[in-house]
């Protein structure tokens, strides 16, 4: 037969459940860590107190300033609230039920200091305060999900990735002031869902009651059945769910004691949140290996520089590169690109800069993502080749109004290019990753890293006096027939230039293009933009190409000791 004191405790427990804001649960506090009495199942428990509810509630002599029969004094601590550049709500000091939760969980008030007990209740092992760990939040709440904020329809309207609170399920409740408190997610009396959650968070079921991220339903992070292979760090140390999809938001985020405070990231170092899975231990491909190559986008060289609201149009964005600059983890998926240069699923949902230099919420083409750092807000400080026309802005180099450009932002200028290999035609377009990509064709796609200079998928020799070979200009020969070029089908002196005189392709051609703000169709057709270290002025100081008509042109310069004064150049191919 149950002792009388437990019957009284259970009656009071039911009363407490009705008084604390949040859903009334059918679970029992008896077998949870919130049972701090001598009968509690956890390591933190009293050595003398047999009542269960008394650690939070009492029927008499409790506080009159709050309506919960609360049996503890408030902490006098001042809290550091959560802040973020992407936060739309105003978050101040904790209020309401959250402040009550913190009377234990901030670690500043003794667990056994109760209003209805004349002396502090002793705990096993001499414990007085909540031990250090994830449940001891401290007074710095900047690494915890924000609480005590007004969550209303106005807030949802200002942040379109929040659901309107009017549509919240019954388990998730706001307080009487429409404030989101700890009790929106946690029911302190019922641990049947784990972590005292009001509903299971498997497949991010709890997170998505409030958060409605664009594209989340189709992203790999919400659908993948991949599991951890046991190698390296456990990507889900605080979860019992075995798959990527089941962990959902938890793959990258944690609600309390986050390593990266802003946006509650698991780890403080941005790329660690990605590489814990993308090293072949969960995801199939190992991106970490690519980042160790001599050329690449070295995300490991930067920390705390990326900001999701950074404005590349206004400028002032510090030099950096992080995974999130090119990937949107809430939208990325395995869908292939419908055709160059359009984005694939891996880089869908990423901000960009369009051809006119204006910001776009979601880039539709690869180059729009690249333009963020290789356009008007250029992170490069110098050219690798000293050009006659110097231009660091790739957006301007690819402008379809240019005298010449590789067909990334538009179809090429000339419709006669006999060197093109199938399936390429004069109406084809290419993407940045057709040239800038992993040197290992069987490895992960994308410009993460390469053994080739300029982060190229294949070799491109730019040094003078280079011996021509299939390898020397391998990246060019991917699209252009080596046999055709050496047979002079495009230009009658190709063979003599690159074979006999050993001039590299880059001596004359600028691969991206020549901006119409600097060049013109007479002097800069066929991507002509001389390397000043190879192509010198003639005796009269002239150094230029001149297109004289369809399929013809002249050069005025000195190259490899040969004066072109001029040499007639039949021109059959422009880009």
Protein backbone atom coordinates (compact mmCIF):
# COMPACT_ATOMS: atom_id res chain seq x y z
CA UNK A 1 0.00 0.00 0.00
CA UNK A 2 1.31 3.44 -0.94
CA UNK A 3 2.45 5.53 2.06
CA UNK A 4 0.26 8.53 2.86
CA UNK A 5 3.02 11.04 2.15
CA UNK A 6 3.34 9.77 -1.45
CA UNK A 7 -0.42 9.97 -1.96
CA UNK A 8 -0.29 13.59 -0.83
CA UNK A 9 2.72 14.19 -3.09
CA UNK A 10 0.94 12.78 -6.12
CA UNK A 11 -2.16 14.90 -5.48
CA UNK A 12 0.10 17.95 -5.26
CA UNK A 13 1.92 16.84 -8.40
CA UNK A 14 -1.35 16.89 -10.29
CA UNK A 15 -2.07 20.35 -8.92
CA UNK A 16 1.38 21.53 -9.96
CA UNK A 17 0.85 20.19 -13.47
CA UNK A 18 -2.25 22.31 -13.82
CA UNK A 19 -0.56 25.43 -12.50
CA UNK A 20 2.64 25.38 -14.55
CA UNK A 21 2.07 26.81 -18.05
CA UNK A 22 2.25 24.24 -20.80
CA UNK A 23 0.41 21.07 -21.71
CA UNK A 24 -0.94 18.77 -19.02
CA UNK A 25 0.88 15.48 -19.43
CA UNK A 26 -0.08 11.99 -18.40
CA UNK A 27 3.54 11.17 -17.58
CA UNK A 28 4.94 10.89 -14.09
CA UNK A 29 7.77 12.84 -12.55
CA UNK A 30 8.55 9.93 -10.24
CA UNK A 31 10.99 8.20 -12.59
CA UNK A 32 12.65 11.31 -13.98
CA UNK A 33 15.69 13.34 -12.94
CA UNK A 34 13.31 16.05 -11.75
CA UNK A 35 12.48 13.78 -8.85
CA UNK A 36 15.13 15.15 -6.48
CA UNK A 37 13.83 13.29 -3.46
CA UNK A 38 15.51 10.26 -1.89
CA UNK A 39 13.50 8.10 -4.33
CA UNK A 40 14.85 9.90 -7.39
CA UNK A 41 16.47 7.76 -10.11
CA UNK A 42 19.22 10.23 -10.96
CA UNK A 43 22.58 10.93 -9.31
CA UNK A 44 21.44 14.37 -8.11
CA UNK A 45 19.05 13.71 -5.23
CA UNK A 46 18.47 14.48 -1.60
CA UNK A 47 19.66 12.26 1.19
CA UNK A 48 16.84 13.20 3.54
CA UNK A 49 13.82 14.66 1.73
CA UNK A 50 11.11 12.21 0.73
CA UNK A 51 8.62 14.67 -0.77
CA UNK A 52 8.85 15.06 -4.52
CA UNK A 53 7.01 18.22 -5.49
CA UNK A 54 8.47 20.30 -2.67
CA UNK A 55 11.61 21.13 -4.69
CA UNK A 56 9.45 23.44 -6.82
CA UNK A 57 6.03 23.72 -5.20
CA UNK A 58 4.35 23.86 -1.81
CA UNK A 59 0.70 24.39 -0.83
CA UNK A 60 1.43 27.02 1.82
CA UNK A 61 3.89 29.79 2.66
CA UNK A 62 5.11 30.13 -0.91
CA UNK A 63 5.58 33.20 -3.08
CA UNK A 64 2.62 35.44 -3.79
CA UNK A 65 4.18 37.29 -6.73
CA UNK A 66 3.70 34.35 -9.10
CA UNK A 67 0.72 31.99 -9.46
CA UNK A 68 2.50 28.63 -9.30
CA UNK A 69 2.79 28.00 -5.53
CA UNK A 70 6.50 28.40 -6.18
CA UNK A 71 8.79 27.26 -3.40
CA UNK A 72 12.10 28.83 -4.45
CA UNK A 73 13.54 32.31 -4.50
CA UNK A 74 14.51 33.93 -7.79
CA UNK A 75 18.13 34.22 -8.66
CA UNK A 76 19.52 37.73 -8.49
CA UNK A 77 21.81 37.06 -11.46
CA UNK A 78 21.78 39.15 -14.62
CA UNK A 79 21.67 37.07 -17.79
CA UNK A 80 23.35 37.49 -21.16
CA UNK A 81 20.53 36.77 -23.61
CA UNK A 82 20.84 35.11 -27.00
CA UNK A 83 21.65 37.46 -29.85
CA UNK A 84 22.19 36.90 -33.55
CA UNK A 85 22.43 38.91 -36.75
CA UNK A 86 19.53 36.82 -38.06
CA UNK A 87 17.32 37.28 -34.98
CA UNK A 88 14.11 39.18 -35.65
CA UNK A 89 12.75 39.19 -32.08
CA UNK A 90 13.69 41.35 -29.11
CA UNK A 91 15.20 39.17 -26.38
CA UNK A 92 15.83 40.56 -22.92
CA UNK A 93 16.05 39.13 -19.41
CA UNK A 94 14.15 35.88 -18.74
CA UNK A 95 10.60 36.21 -17.46
CA UNK A 96 7.75 33.97 -16.42
CA UNK A 97 8.21 30.22 -16.37
CA UNK A 98 11.70 30.49 -17.89
CA UNK A 99 12.92 32.40 -14.88
CA UNK A 100 11.50 29.69 -12.64
CA UNK A 101 13.33 26.98 -14.57
CA UNK A 102 16.54 28.97 -14.24
CA UNK A 103 16.23 28.97 -10.46
CA UNK A 104 17.85 25.54 -10.70
CA UNK A 105 19.28 25.49 -14.21
CA UNK A 106 21.46 28.60 -13.99
CA UNK A 107 23.55 27.03 -11.23
CA UNK A 108 23.34 30.06 -8.91
CA UNK A 109 20.61 28.94 -6.48
CA UNK A 110 21.11 25.90 -4.25
CA UNK A 111 18.89 22.97 -5.19
CA UNK A 112 17.87 22.43 -1.58
CA UNK A 113 17.19 26.09 -0.71
CA UNK A 114 13.40 26.06 -0.35
CA UNK A 115 11.06 28.65 1.14
CA UNK A 116 9.18 26.05 3.19
CA UNK A 117 12.28 24.47 4.72
CA UNK A 118 14.16 26.24 7.50
CA UNK A 119 17.48 24.73 6.43
CA UNK A 120 18.97 23.80 3.07
CA UNK A 121 18.14 20.22 2.15
CA UNK A 122 21.30 18.11 1.81
CA UNK A 123 22.10 16.25 -1.42
CA UNK A 124 24.12 13.13 -2.11
CA UNK A 125 27.84 13.72 -2.42
CA UNK A 126 27.54 17.17 -0.88
CA UNK A 127 26.11 18.60 -4.11
CA UNK A 128 24.48 22.00 -3.59
CA UNK A 129 24.09 23.41 -7.07
CA UNK A 130 23.26 21.76 -10.38
CA UNK A 131 26.52 20.12 -11.52
CA UNK A 132 28.38 21.43 -14.53
CA UNK A 133 27.14 20.06 -17.83
CA UNK A 134 24.67 20.80 -20.61
CA UNK A 135 21.76 21.19 -18.18
CA UNK A 136 23.58 23.84 -16.14
CA UNK A 137 22.99 26.77 -18.47
CA UNK A 138 24.73 29.34 -16.30
CA UNK A 139 23.88 33.00 -16.67
CA UNK A 140 25.25 33.29 -20.21
CA UNK A 141 22.25 32.35 -22.31
CA UNK A 142 23.82 33.49 -25.58
CA UNK A 143 24.42 29.82 -26.41
CA UNK A 144 20.83 28.77 -25.68
CA UNK A 145 17.61 29.01 -27.63
CA UNK A 146 16.08 32.42 -26.93
CA UNK A 147 13.24 32.56 -24.40
CA UNK A 148 10.88 35.18 -23.03
CA UNK A 149 10.36 36.69 -26.46
CA UNK A 150 7.00 37.71 -27.86
CA UNK A 151 6.10 35.19 -30.54
CA UNK A 152 3.12 36.56 -32.38
CA UNK A 153 1.86 36.90 -35.94
CA UNK A 154 3.80 40.13 -36.38
CA UNK A 155 7.07 38.35 -35.64
CA UNK A 156 6.17 35.55 -38.06
CA UNK A 157 5.46 38.18 -40.73
CA UNK A 158 8.87 39.77 -40.21
CA UNK A 159 10.60 36.39 -40.49
CA UNK A 160 8.98 34.33 -43.22
CA UNK A 161 10.78 31.22 -42.01
CA UNK A 162 8.72 31.20 -38.80
CA UNK A 163 5.27 29.65 -38.69
CA UNK A 164 2.39 31.77 -37.47
CA UNK A 165 1.93 30.88 -33.78
CA UNK A 166 -1.81 30.58 -34.36
CA UNK A 167 -0.99 27.31 -36.13
CA UNK A 168 1.08 25.80 -33.31
CA UNK A 169 0.06 22.28 -32.24
CA UNK A 170 -1.59 21.96 -28.81
CA UNK A 171 1.56 20.53 -27.24
CA UNK A 172 3.51 23.72 -27.95
CA UNK A 173 2.08 26.57 -25.90
CA UNK A 174 3.04 30.16 -25.33
CA UNK A 175 2.37 31.85 -22.00
CA UNK A 176 -0.42 34.31 -21.28
CA UNK A 177 1.73 37.17 -22.63
CA UNK A 178 2.33 35.37 -25.94
CA UNK A 179 5.90 34.85 -24.87
CA UNK A 180 7.85 31.76 -25.79
CA UNK A 181 9.20 30.23 -22.61
CA UNK A 182 11.07 27.05 -21.72
CA UNK A 183 7.66 25.42 -21.30
CA UNK A 184 6.95 25.74 -25.03
CA UNK A 185 9.40 22.89 -25.62
CA UNK A 186 9.74 21.25 -22.20
CA UNK A 187 7.25 19.69 -19.79
CA UNK A 188 9.09 19.47 -16.49
CA UNK A 189 6.78 16.72 -15.20
CA UNK A 190 6.98 14.29 -18.12
CA UNK A 191 10.11 12.81 -19.68
CA UNK A 192 8.39 10.25 -21.88
CA UNK A 193 9.74 12.02 -25.00
CA UNK A 194 13.25 12.42 -23.62
CA UNK A 195 14.83 15.68 -22.43
CA UNK A 196 11.42 16.58 -20.98
CA UNK A 197 10.24 17.55 -24.48
CA UNK A 198 6.56 18.19 -25.03
CA UNK A 199 6.68 16.06 -28.20
CA UNK A 200 9.27 13.90 -29.95
CA UNK A 201 11.87 15.75 -32.01
CA UNK A 202 12.53 12.82 -34.32
CA UNK A 203 12.73 14.15 -37.90
CA UNK A 204 12.79 17.62 -36.27
CA UNK A 205 9.12 17.29 -35.39
CA UNK A 206 9.37 19.80 -32.53
CA UNK A 207 11.70 22.27 -34.26
CA UNK A 208 9.52 22.52 -37.35
CA UNK A 209 6.42 23.45 -35.36
CA UNK A 210 7.91 26.95 -35.21
CA UNK A 211 10.66 26.95 -37.84
CA UNK A 212 9.67 26.65 -41.50
CA UNK A 213 12.93 26.76 -43.45
CA UNK A 214 12.63 27.15 -47.22
CA UNK A 215 13.30 23.86 -48.99
CA UNK A 216 13.68 21.85 -45.79
CA UNK A 217 11.24 19.12 -46.79
CA UNK A 218 13.37 18.16 -49.80
CA UNK A 219 16.87 18.66 -48.47
CA UNK A 220 19.20 15.72 -47.92
CA UNK A 221 19.48 16.72 -44.25
CA UNK A 222 15.79 15.95 -43.74
CA UNK A 223 15.51 12.90 -46.01
CA UNK A 224 18.83 11.01 -45.95
CA UNK A 225 18.91 7.56 -44.35
CA UNK A 226 22.72 7.70 -43.99
CA UNK A 227 24.12 6.49 -40.67
CA UNK A 228 27.44 7.06 -38.89
CA UNK A 229 30.00 4.35 -39.72
CA UNK A 230 31.61 4.59 -36.27
CA UNK A 231 34.83 6.24 -37.46
CA UNK A 232 35.95 9.65 -36.24
CA UNK A 233 33.83 11.83 -33.99
CA UNK A 234 30.25 10.87 -33.27
CA UNK A 235 28.17 13.40 -35.22
CA UNK A 236 25.21 12.99 -32.84
CA UNK A 237 26.66 12.63 -29.32
CA UNK A 238 23.49 13.91 -27.67
CA UNK A 239 21.01 11.93 -29.74
CA UNK A 240 19.74 8.37 -29.89
CA UNK A 241 18.52 8.73 -33.47
CA UNK A 242 20.69 6.77 -35.95
CA UNK A 243 20.10 8.56 -39.28
CA UNK A 244 20.66 11.98 -40.79
CA UNK A 245 16.95 12.45 -41.44
CA UNK A 246 15.92 11.51 -37.91
CA UNK A 247 18.41 13.96 -36.41
CA UNK A 248 17.33 16.67 -38.84
CA UNK A 249 18.11 20.08 -37.36
CA UNK A 250 20.28 18.34 -34.76
CA UNK A 251 22.83 17.50 -37.44
CA UNK A 252 24.07 21.07 -37.12
CA UNK A 253 22.19 22.77 -34.29
CA UNK A 254 21.68 22.27 -30.57
CA UNK A 255 19.18 24.13 -28.40
CA UNK A 256 21.35 24.53 -25.29
CA UNK A 257 25.05 25.09 -24.61
CA UNK A 258 25.84 25.47 -28.29
CA UNK A 259 29.45 25.62 -29.41
CA UNK A 260 28.67 28.32 -31.95
CA UNK A 261 26.45 30.80 -30.13
CA UNK A 262 24.89 32.62 -33.06
CA UNK A 263 22.42 30.29 -34.74
CA UNK A 264 23.13 27.65 -32.05
CA UNK A 265 25.64 25.60 -34.02
CA UNK A 266 27.02 22.38 -32.58
CA UNK A 267 30.58 23.61 -33.03
CA UNK A 268 32.10 27.07 -32.76
CA UNK A 269 34.25 26.55 -35.88
CA UNK A 270 31.88 26.81 -38.81
CA UNK A 271 33.23 24.04 -41.02
CA UNK A 272 33.36 21.56 -38.13
CA UNK A 273 29.57 21.44 -38.25
CA UNK A 274 29.84 20.18 -41.83
CA UNK A 275 32.99 18.08 -41.72
CA UNK A 276 31.85 15.95 -38.78
CA UNK A 277 29.67 14.19 -41.38
CA UNK A 278 31.28 15.13 -44.70
CA UNK A 279 34.52 13.24 -44.17
CA UNK A 280 33.22 9.93 -45.47
CA UNK A 281 31.98 8.86 -42.03
CA UNK A 282 28.34 9.70 -42.73
CA UNK A 283 28.22 11.32 -46.16
CA UNK A 284 29.76 9.20 -48.91
CA UNK A 285 32.39 11.70 -50.05
CA UNK A 286 35.28 13.04 -47.97
CA UNK A 287 35.42 16.81 -48.37
CA UNK A 288 38.07 17.07 -45.66
CA UNK A 289 40.63 15.46 -47.96
CA UNK A 290 39.93 18.02 -50.67
CA UNK A 291 40.60 20.90 -48.28
CA UNK A 292 44.10 19.55 -47.68
CA UNK A 293 45.10 19.96 -51.35
CA UNK A 294 47.44 22.80 -52.38
CA UNK A 295 44.76 24.81 -54.18
CA UNK A 296 41.23 25.30 -52.93
CA UNK A 297 38.65 27.20 -50.97
CA UNK A 298 40.31 26.87 -47.59
CA UNK A 299 37.43 27.19 -45.15
CA UNK A 300 39.72 26.15 -42.31
CA UNK A 301 41.62 29.44 -42.59
CA UNK A 302 38.71 31.55 -41.34
CA UNK A 303 36.58 31.65 -38.21
CA UNK A 304 33.69 33.90 -37.30
CA UNK A 305 33.86 35.93 -40.51
CA UNK A 306 30.80 34.64 -42.37
CA UNK A 307 27.48 36.34 -41.71
CA UNK A 308 24.28 35.07 -43.38
CA UNK A 309 23.10 38.66 -43.86
CA UNK A 310 26.39 39.99 -45.31
CA UNK A 311 25.80 42.34 -48.22
CA UNK A 312 28.15 41.92 -51.17
CA UNK A 313 26.54 44.80 -53.06
CA UNK A 314 27.23 47.34 -50.33
CA UNK A 315 30.69 45.84 -49.82
CA UNK A 316 32.74 45.80 -46.67
CA UNK A 317 32.44 42.03 -46.35
CA UNK A 318 35.67 40.68 -44.82
CA UNK A 319 37.65 38.22 -46.89
CA UNK A 320 36.62 34.69 -46.04
CA UNK A 321 35.20 31.49 -47.41
CA UNK A 322 33.02 29.09 -45.47
CA UNK A 323 30.90 26.12 -46.50
CA UNK A 324 27.76 28.25 -46.09
CA UNK A 325 29.00 30.73 -48.71
CA UNK A 326 28.33 28.13 -51.40
CA UNK A 327 25.95 25.66 -49.72
CA UNK A 328 22.60 26.12 -48.00
CA UNK A 329 22.26 23.20 -45.60
CA UNK A 330 18.50 23.75 -45.35
CA UNK A 331 18.01 23.28 -49.10
CA UNK A 332 20.94 21.30 -50.50
CA UNK A 333 20.05 17.99 -52.11
CA UNK A 334 21.32 15.42 -54.60
CA UNK A 335 19.46 16.75 -57.65
CA UNK A 336 21.82 17.23 -60.63
CA UNK A 337 21.99 20.51 -62.51
CA UNK A 338 19.46 20.68 -65.37
CA UNK A 339 22.31 22.00 -67.50
CA UNK A 340 25.27 24.35 -67.29
CA UNK A 341 25.53 26.88 -65.85
CA UNK A 342 22.40 26.31 -63.73
CA UNK A 343 22.88 25.31 -60.10
CA UNK A 344 22.68 21.72 -58.94
CA UNK A 345 20.90 20.60 -55.81
CA UNK A 346 24.17 20.77 -53.88
CA UNK A 347 24.27 24.55 -54.22
CA UNK A 348 20.59 25.36 -54.44
CA UNK A 349 19.15 28.03 -52.16
CA UNK A 350 22.40 30.03 -51.97
CA UNK A 351 22.54 33.81 -52.20
CA UNK A 352 24.24 35.36 -55.20
CA UNK A 353 24.97 38.36 -57.38
CA UNK A 354 23.36 38.49 -60.80
CA UNK A 355 24.88 39.64 -64.10
CA UNK A 356 23.91 43.26 -63.38
CA UNK A 357 25.65 43.23 -60.00
CA UNK A 358 22.47 43.05 -57.91
CA UNK A 359 21.91 40.68 -55.01
CA UNK A 360 19.59 37.72 -55.54
CA UNK A 361 18.09 35.69 -52.71
CA UNK A 362 18.71 32.40 -54.46
CA UNK A 363 21.24 32.05 -57.26
CA UNK A 364 19.94 30.30 -60.37
CA UNK A 365 23.35 29.94 -62.04
CA UNK A 366 26.71 28.87 -60.65
CA UNK A 367 28.50 32.07 -61.55
CA UNK A 368 26.07 34.12 -59.48
CA UNK A 369 27.43 32.40 -56.37
CA UNK A 370 31.01 32.95 -57.52
CA UNK A 371 30.36 36.65 -58.20
CA UNK A 372 29.91 37.24 -54.46
CA UNK A 373 33.66 36.92 -53.94
CA UNK A 374 35.02 37.12 -57.47
CA UNK A 375 32.95 40.04 -58.72
CA UNK A 376 32.58 43.62 -57.52
CA UNK A 377 33.48 42.60 -53.95
CA UNK A 378 36.61 40.78 -55.05
CA UNK A 379 38.71 38.91 -52.51
CA UNK A 380 41.63 38.62 -54.94
CA UNK A 381 44.22 41.35 -54.76
CA UNK A 382 46.27 40.59 -57.85
CA UNK A 383 46.29 38.70 -61.12
CA UNK A 384 48.28 35.50 -61.48
CA UNK A 385 49.17 36.60 -65.02
CA UNK A 386 50.22 40.17 -65.80
CA UNK A 387 47.68 41.13 -68.44
CA UNK A 388 47.62 44.01 -70.89
CA UNK A 389 44.09 44.65 -69.66
CA UNK A 390 43.96 43.93 -65.93
CA UNK A 391 40.59 42.88 -64.56
CA UNK A 392 39.80 41.08 -61.30
CA UNK A 393 36.02 41.32 -61.60
CA UNK A 394 34.87 38.03 -63.11
CA UNK A 395 31.33 39.35 -63.48
CA UNK A 396 32.64 41.92 -65.96
CA UNK A 397 34.81 39.34 -67.72
CA UNK A 398 31.79 37.11 -68.44
CA UNK A 399 29.48 39.91 -69.60
CA UNK A 400 27.77 38.76 -72.83
CA UNK A 401 28.26 42.29 -74.22
CA UNK A 402 32.03 41.75 -74.18
CA UNK A 403 34.09 41.47 -77.37
CA UNK A 404 35.01 37.94 -76.23
CA UNK A 405 34.16 35.65 -73.31
CA UNK A 406 33.82 31.99 -72.49
CA UNK A 407 30.10 31.13 -72.72
CA UNK A 408 29.20 31.14 -69.03
CA UNK A 409 26.78 34.07 -68.71
CA UNK A 410 25.61 33.77 -72.32
CA UNK A 411 26.18 32.03 -75.65
CA UNK A 412 29.56 32.78 -77.23
CA UNK A 413 30.09 35.58 -79.75
CA UNK A 414 31.32 33.52 -82.71
CA UNK A 415 29.35 30.74 -84.31
CA UNK A 416 32.34 29.14 -86.07
CA UNK A 417 34.53 27.19 -83.64
CA UNK A 418 35.73 24.07 -85.49
CA UNK A 419 37.80 22.83 -82.56
CA UNK A 420 34.81 22.16 -80.30
CA UNK A 421 34.44 18.57 -79.15
CA UNK A 422 31.02 16.90 -78.83
CA UNK A 423 28.69 17.45 -77.09
CA UNK A 424 29.72 21.12 -77.16
CA UNK A 425 28.39 23.36 -79.92
CA UNK A 426 28.54 27.07 -80.55
CA UNK A 427 25.23 27.41 -78.69
CA UNK A 428 26.50 25.59 -75.59
CA UNK A 429 27.03 27.25 -72.26
CA UNK A 430 29.39 26.10 -69.55
CA UNK A 431 29.62 26.59 -65.81
CA UNK A 432 32.46 27.68 -63.58
CA UNK A 433 32.90 24.09 -62.41
CA UNK A 434 33.56 22.88 -65.96
CA UNK A 435 37.03 24.28 -65.39
CA UNK A 436 37.35 24.85 -61.64
CA UNK A 437 36.73 21.54 -59.93
CA UNK A 438 38.25 18.56 -58.18
CA UNK A 439 41.26 17.13 -60.04
CA UNK A 440 40.02 13.67 -59.03
CA UNK A 441 37.10 12.91 -61.33
CA UNK A 442 35.87 10.14 -59.02
CA UNK A 443 36.01 12.34 -55.92
CA UNK A 444 33.48 14.86 -54.62
CA UNK A 445 32.45 17.39 -57.22
CA UNK A 446 32.98 21.11 -56.84
CA UNK A 447 35.82 23.56 -56.25
CA UNK A 448 36.73 22.40 -52.75
CA UNK A 449 40.31 21.57 -53.61
CA UNK A 450 42.63 20.54 -56.43
CA UNK A 451 46.25 19.65 -57.06
CA UNK A 452 46.17 21.92 -60.10
CA UNK A 453 46.91 25.64 -59.98
CA UNK A 454 43.96 28.03 -60.19
CA UNK A 455 41.80 25.28 -58.60
CA UNK A 456 41.38 23.68 -62.02
CA UNK A 457 40.05 20.21 -62.68
CA UNK A 458 42.88 19.64 -65.15
CA UNK A 459 46.30 21.08 -65.78
CA UNK A 460 46.79 24.44 -67.48
CA UNK A 461 50.38 25.45 -68.09
CA UNK A 462 50.91 29.21 -68.17
CA UNK A 463 54.70 29.32 -68.01
CA UNK A 464 56.58 30.42 -71.13
CA UNK A 465 58.68 27.98 -73.15
CA UNK A 466 56.46 25.05 -72.17
CA UNK A 467 56.55 21.87 -74.21
CA UNK A 468 53.17 21.23 -75.78
CA UNK A 469 51.52 17.96 -74.77
CA UNK A 470 48.05 16.64 -73.99
CA UNK A 471 48.80 17.32 -70.32
CA UNK A 472 50.20 20.83 -70.74
CA UNK A 473 46.86 22.29 -71.82
CA UNK A 474 44.63 19.50 -70.57
CA UNK A 475 41.88 21.82 -69.36
CA UNK A 476 41.66 23.45 -72.82
CA UNK A 477 41.65 20.10 -74.58
CA UNK A 478 38.64 19.02 -72.55
CA UNK A 479 36.42 21.09 -74.82
CA UNK A 480 38.70 21.91 -77.76
CA UNK A 481 40.14 19.23 -80.02
CA UNK A 482 43.92 19.12 -79.74
CA UNK A 483 44.14 17.63 -83.22
CA UNK A 484 42.05 20.44 -84.65
CA UNK A 485 44.09 23.15 -82.97
CA UNK A 486 47.44 21.66 -83.99
CA UNK A 487 46.11 21.30 -87.53
CA UNK A 488 45.55 25.06 -87.56
CA UNK A 489 41.85 24.73 -88.33
CA UNK A 490 40.96 27.71 -86.14
CA UNK A 491 44.10 29.79 -86.63
CA UNK A 492 46.82 29.04 -89.16
CA UNK A 493 49.68 29.64 -86.71
CA UNK A 494 48.41 27.75 -83.64
CA UNK A 495 50.85 24.93 -84.20
CA UNK A 496 53.88 27.13 -84.65
CA UNK A 497 53.00 29.24 -81.61
CA UNK A 498 52.43 26.47 -79.08
CA UNK A 499 54.65 23.72 -80.56
CA UNK A 500 57.56 25.36 -82.35
CA UNK A 501 57.81 28.57 -80.28
CA UNK A 502 56.43 26.95 -77.11
CA UNK A 503 54.21 29.85 -76.18
CA UNK A 504 51.41 28.85 -73.77
CA UNK A 505 47.75 29.45 -74.63
CA UNK A 506 47.68 32.09 -71.91
CA UNK A 507 50.30 34.18 -73.72
CA UNK A 508 47.56 35.48 -75.99
CA UNK A 509 44.24 34.34 -74.54
CA UNK A 510 42.53 35.43 -71.33
CA UNK A 511 40.32 32.48 -70.42
CA UNK A 512 37.40 34.27 -68.72
CA UNK A 513 36.94 37.16 -71.13
CA UNK A 514 37.73 40.79 -71.81
CA UNK A 515 35.38 43.36 -70.32
CA UNK A 516 33.73 45.78 -72.74
CA UNK A 517 34.53 48.51 -70.22
CA UNK A 518 38.21 48.09 -71.19
CA UNK A 519 38.45 46.16 -74.42
CA UNK A 520 36.81 46.34 -77.83
CA UNK A 521 35.89 43.98 -80.69
CA UNK A 522 38.81 45.22 -82.83
CA UNK A 523 41.64 44.52 -80.40
CA UNK A 524 40.18 41.89 -78.08
CA UNK A 525 38.31 39.38 -80.21
CA UNK A 526 39.19 35.70 -79.64
CA UNK A 527 39.92 36.37 -75.95
CA UNK A 528 43.06 38.28 -76.94
CA UNK A 529 44.61 39.88 -73.85
CA UNK A 530 48.36 39.49 -73.92
CA UNK A 531 50.59 38.26 -71.10
CA UNK A 532 52.96 41.22 -70.70
CA UNK A 533 55.78 38.99 -69.47
CA UNK A 534 55.79 37.10 -72.79
CA UNK A 535 54.40 39.49 -75.38
CA UNK A 536 56.52 42.63 -75.70
CA UNK A 537 56.11 45.87 -77.69
CA UNK A 538 57.61 46.12 -81.16
CA UNK A 539 60.22 48.68 -82.07
CA UNK A 540 57.57 51.39 -82.28
CA UNK A 541 56.11 50.59 -78.88
CA UNK A 542 53.07 48.81 -80.34
CA UNK A 543 51.58 45.77 -78.61
CA UNK A 544 48.13 44.92 -79.88
CA UNK A 545 46.02 42.71 -82.06
CA UNK A 546 43.79 44.20 -84.68
CA UNK A 547 40.85 42.40 -86.18
CA UNK A 548 40.57 43.54 -89.79
CA UNK A 549 37.48 41.64 -90.84
CA UNK A 550 35.75 38.27 -90.61
CA UNK A 551 38.46 35.66 -90.30
CA UNK A 552 41.41 38.06 -90.51
CA UNK A 553 43.57 40.21 -88.30
CA UNK A 554 47.03 41.58 -87.57
CA UNK A 555 49.44 41.62 -84.64
CA UNK A 556 51.79 44.50 -83.81
CA UNK A 557 54.21 43.25 -81.15
CA UNK A 558 57.39 41.37 -80.38
CA UNK A 559 57.19 37.79 -79.11
CA UNK A 560 60.08 35.41 -78.53
CA UNK A 561 62.33 37.77 -80.46
CA UNK A 562 60.07 37.77 -83.50
CA UNK A 563 58.71 41.17 -84.50
CA UNK A 564 55.14 41.18 -85.77
CA UNK A 565 55.04 44.34 -87.84
CA UNK A 566 52.48 43.11 -88.70
CA UNK A 567 52.00 39.46 -89.52
CA UNK A 568 48.67 38.75 -91.19
CA UNK A 569 46.58 36.54 -88.92
CA UNK A 570 43.66 34.69 -90.52
CA UNK A 571 41.08 34.71 -87.73
CA UNK A 572 38.50 31.96 -87.92
CA UNK A 573 37.48 31.60 -84.30
CA UNK A 574 36.35 34.00 -81.62
CA UNK A 575 34.61 33.11 -78.40
